Protein backbone atom coordinates (compact mmCIF):
# COMPACT_ATOMS: atom_id res chain seq x y z
CA ASP A 1 4.39 22.49 -11.14
CA GLU A 2 2.62 25.86 -11.15
CA GLU A 3 0.22 24.97 -8.37
CA CYS A 4 3.00 24.05 -5.91
CA ALA A 5 3.69 26.40 -3.01
CA THR A 6 6.76 28.39 -3.70
CA PRO A 7 9.05 28.86 -0.67
CA PHE A 8 11.32 31.90 -0.67
CA LEU A 9 14.70 31.29 0.71
CA GLY A 10 17.19 33.87 1.76
CA ALA A 11 21.03 33.60 1.82
CA GLY A 12 22.03 30.57 3.86
CA ASP A 13 18.59 29.07 4.05
CA ALA A 14 18.06 25.38 3.42
CA HIS A 15 15.02 23.46 2.50
CA SER A 16 14.50 19.61 2.84
CA LEU A 17 12.23 17.26 1.19
CA VAL A 18 11.52 13.66 2.26
CA LEU A 19 9.95 11.16 -0.18
CA HIS A 20 8.72 7.68 0.58
CA VAL A 21 8.54 5.82 -2.75
CA THR A 22 7.06 2.43 -3.38
CA PRO A 23 7.22 1.48 -7.11
CA ARG A 24 4.46 -0.52 -8.70
CA GLU A 25 6.76 -1.99 -11.31
CA VAL A 26 10.49 -2.69 -11.28
CA THR A 27 12.71 -0.93 -13.73
CA VAL A 28 16.47 -0.27 -13.90
CA SER A 29 16.08 3.23 -12.52
CA HIS A 30 13.28 5.66 -11.70
CA ILE A 31 13.55 9.36 -12.11
CA LEU A 32 11.85 10.65 -8.98
CA ALA A 33 11.14 14.26 -9.87
CA HIS A 34 12.51 17.55 -11.09
CA VAL A 35 12.88 20.64 -8.95
CA LEU A 36 12.53 24.11 -10.59
CA VAL A 37 14.57 26.83 -8.84
CA HIS A 38 13.81 30.45 -9.74
CA TRP A 39 16.76 32.76 -8.91
CA SER A 40 16.37 36.48 -8.44
CA SER A 41 17.91 39.25 -6.41
CA LEU A 42 15.78 41.35 -4.02
CA ASP A 43 16.95 44.59 -5.64
CA ARG A 44 16.11 43.38 -9.25
CA PRO A 45 13.18 40.90 -9.00
CA GLU A 46 12.35 41.28 -12.75
CA HIS A 47 15.52 39.37 -13.65
CA VAL A 48 14.76 35.69 -12.97
CA VAL A 49 16.99 32.74 -13.87
CA THR A 50 15.31 29.37 -13.76
CA THR A 51 17.23 26.21 -13.10
CA GLU A 52 15.77 22.72 -13.39
CA LEU A 53 17.42 20.16 -11.12
CA ALA A 54 16.65 16.51 -11.52
CA LEU A 55 16.61 14.55 -8.31
CA PRO A 56 18.90 11.54 -8.54
CA SER A 57 17.50 8.41 -10.16
CA MET A 58 16.79 5.52 -7.83
CA ALA A 59 17.40 1.89 -8.55
CA PHE A 60 14.88 -0.38 -6.89
CA GLN A 61 15.57 -4.01 -6.09
CA PRO A 62 12.70 -6.37 -7.15
CA ALA A 63 10.99 -7.78 -4.06
CA PRO A 64 11.80 -11.47 -3.62
CA LEU A 65 8.15 -11.99 -2.56
CA SER A 66 5.06 -10.03 -3.49
CA VAL A 67 1.88 -9.91 -1.59
CA LYS A 68 -1.42 -9.06 -3.16
CA ILE A 69 -5.03 -9.18 -2.03
CA ASP A 70 -7.46 -10.59 -4.66
CA ASP A 71 -11.14 -10.33 -4.86
CA MET A 72 -11.77 -7.81 -2.13
CA PRO A 73 -15.57 -7.19 -2.27
CA VAL A 74 -16.99 -3.73 -2.64
CA PHE A 75 -19.13 -4.18 0.43
CA GLY A 76 -20.01 -6.76 3.04
CA THR A 77 -23.08 -7.74 5.03
CA GLN A 78 -23.16 -7.74 8.85
CA GLY A 79 -22.86 -11.28 10.22
CA HIS A 80 -21.99 -12.89 6.87
CA VAL A 81 -18.56 -14.10 5.93
CA THR A 82 -16.59 -12.15 3.41
CA TRP A 83 -13.79 -14.11 1.73
CA VAL A 84 -10.41 -12.49 1.14
CA HIS A 85 -7.71 -14.19 -0.89
CA VAL A 86 -4.05 -13.29 -0.11
CA ARG A 87 -1.78 -14.12 -3.01
CA LEU A 88 1.89 -14.81 -2.29
CA THR A 89 4.30 -14.94 -5.22
CA ASN A 90 7.93 -15.91 -4.87
CA HIS A 91 10.11 -14.31 -7.57
CA THR A 92 13.29 -16.05 -6.64
CA ILE A 93 14.93 -19.45 -7.16
CA SER A 94 14.94 -20.20 -3.45
CA GLY A 95 12.14 -21.17 -1.17
CA TYR A 96 10.66 -18.91 1.47
CA ILE A 97 8.97 -19.73 4.77
CA VAL A 98 6.76 -16.75 5.83
CA ASP A 99 4.44 -16.12 8.72
CA VAL A 100 1.09 -14.68 7.60
CA LYS A 101 -0.71 -12.66 10.25
CA ILE A 102 -4.04 -10.91 10.14
CA GLY A 103 -4.20 -8.16 12.78
CA SER A 104 -7.24 -6.24 13.88
CA ASP A 105 -7.04 -3.32 16.35
CA SER A 106 -10.74 -3.49 16.99
CA SER A 107 -13.59 -5.91 17.53
CA GLU A 108 -15.21 -4.96 14.22
CA PHE A 109 -14.50 -8.36 12.59
CA LEU A 110 -14.33 -12.06 13.47
CA VAL A 111 -11.38 -13.51 11.51
CA ALA A 112 -11.61 -17.14 10.25
CA GLY A 113 -8.51 -18.86 8.90
CA VAL A 114 -5.09 -17.31 9.70
CA VAL A 115 -5.23 -15.27 12.88
CA ASP A 116 -2.21 -15.33 15.12
CA GLY A 117 0.35 -16.38 12.49
CA HIS A 118 0.51 -19.21 10.10
CA ASN A 119 3.79 -20.49 8.52
CA VAL A 120 3.50 -20.87 4.78
CA GLN A 121 6.19 -22.35 2.53
CA VAL A 122 6.37 -20.67 -0.81
CA LEU A 123 8.48 -22.66 -3.26
CA PRO A 124 10.69 -21.05 -5.92
CA MET A 125 8.77 -19.27 -8.58
CA GLU A 126 5.49 -20.37 -7.07
CA THR A 127 2.22 -18.43 -6.41
CA ILE A 128 -0.04 -19.62 -3.62
CA SER A 129 -3.16 -18.24 -2.11
CA VAL A 130 -4.21 -18.09 1.50
CA THR A 131 -7.94 -17.65 2.10
CA ILE A 132 -9.24 -15.65 5.07
CA GLY A 133 -12.86 -15.19 6.15
CA LEU A 134 -13.89 -11.89 7.63
CA VAL A 135 -17.28 -11.60 9.46
CA PRO A 136 -18.33 -8.00 10.00
CA LEU A 137 -19.93 -7.54 13.44
CA GLN A 138 -21.56 -4.19 12.80
CA PRO A 139 -22.74 -2.00 9.83
CA GLY A 140 -20.91 1.12 8.55
CA HIS A 141 -17.41 1.87 7.27
CA LEU A 142 -15.25 -0.64 9.19
CA THR A 143 -11.46 -0.62 9.30
CA LEU A 144 -10.18 -3.78 7.62
CA PRO A 145 -7.61 -5.94 9.46
CA LYS A 146 -4.05 -5.51 8.31
CA VAL A 147 -2.33 -8.30 6.46
CA GLU A 148 1.30 -8.81 7.57
CA VAL A 149 3.65 -11.33 5.88
CA VAL A 150 7.03 -11.85 7.75
CA HIS A 151 9.99 -13.89 6.46
CA VAL A 152 10.55 -16.43 9.31
CA ASP A 153 14.37 -16.46 9.14
CA SER A 154 15.27 -12.79 8.45
CA ASN A 155 12.22 -11.19 10.12
CA GLU A 156 11.79 -9.09 6.91
CA THR A 157 8.26 -7.75 6.42
CA PHE A 158 6.46 -7.81 3.04
CA ARG A 159 3.64 -5.33 2.68
CA VAL A 160 0.51 -5.11 0.59
CA THR A 161 1.04 -1.82 -1.20
CA ASP A 162 -2.50 -1.43 -2.48
CA GLN A 163 -4.62 -2.78 0.34
CA ARG A 164 -7.92 -1.04 1.02
CA VAL A 165 -8.42 0.39 4.42
CA THR A 166 -12.09 0.15 4.97
CA LEU A 167 -15.05 -1.97 4.00
CA PHE A 168 -18.64 -0.67 3.82
CA VAL A 169 -20.86 -3.15 5.66
CA VAL A 170 -24.69 -3.09 5.26
CA PRO A 171 -27.09 -4.41 7.99
CA ASP A 172 -28.07 -8.03 7.75
CA ASN A 173 -31.69 -7.31 6.70
CA HIS A 174 -30.64 -4.80 4.02
CA THR A 175 -31.36 -5.41 0.32
CA THR A 176 -29.01 -4.01 -2.27
CA SER A 177 -29.82 -3.62 -5.89
CA ALA A 178 -27.36 -3.32 -8.83
CA ALA A 179 -28.74 0.27 -9.41
CA MET A 180 -27.75 1.30 -5.88
CA LEU A 181 -24.21 -0.08 -6.35
CA LEU A 182 -23.78 1.84 -9.56
CA ALA A 183 -24.88 5.14 -7.98
């Protein structure tokens, strides 16, 4: 990419790159990226040789259980419950018992429903929904509680990859029109 910063390396220099990749869909292999290396000597910089190096393809295992948050509202109202639906889908032919936890680092929300852990059995090839009520205690951009799903036997954690981080909360006496939401 032409907009990338170009590091210049001398003889014996090394450069490392660390990627954290979470695929949205499972395929046999993913090509992560290509790296362009421009070679030239200091005494003749006009002679440039370009080499394109493909980073190794990665194979991702499909997750046995997927976690998705459905129907997250655009905004909430202070003191009124906002319903959040956590959808658990088992993609295997064996059952899972998972512990669903909703954690909040602050006192911005009251949480109704699953709070300190709730064991849920997800049967093979089944999709179930766990409903959680969030009551915002103050207006503004509030940090949403984190949803954590942990396999009871193996202690493996399943993450929501596309969870929103904040919720905008209006005061209790605030009126919102459709025109304001589109702006």
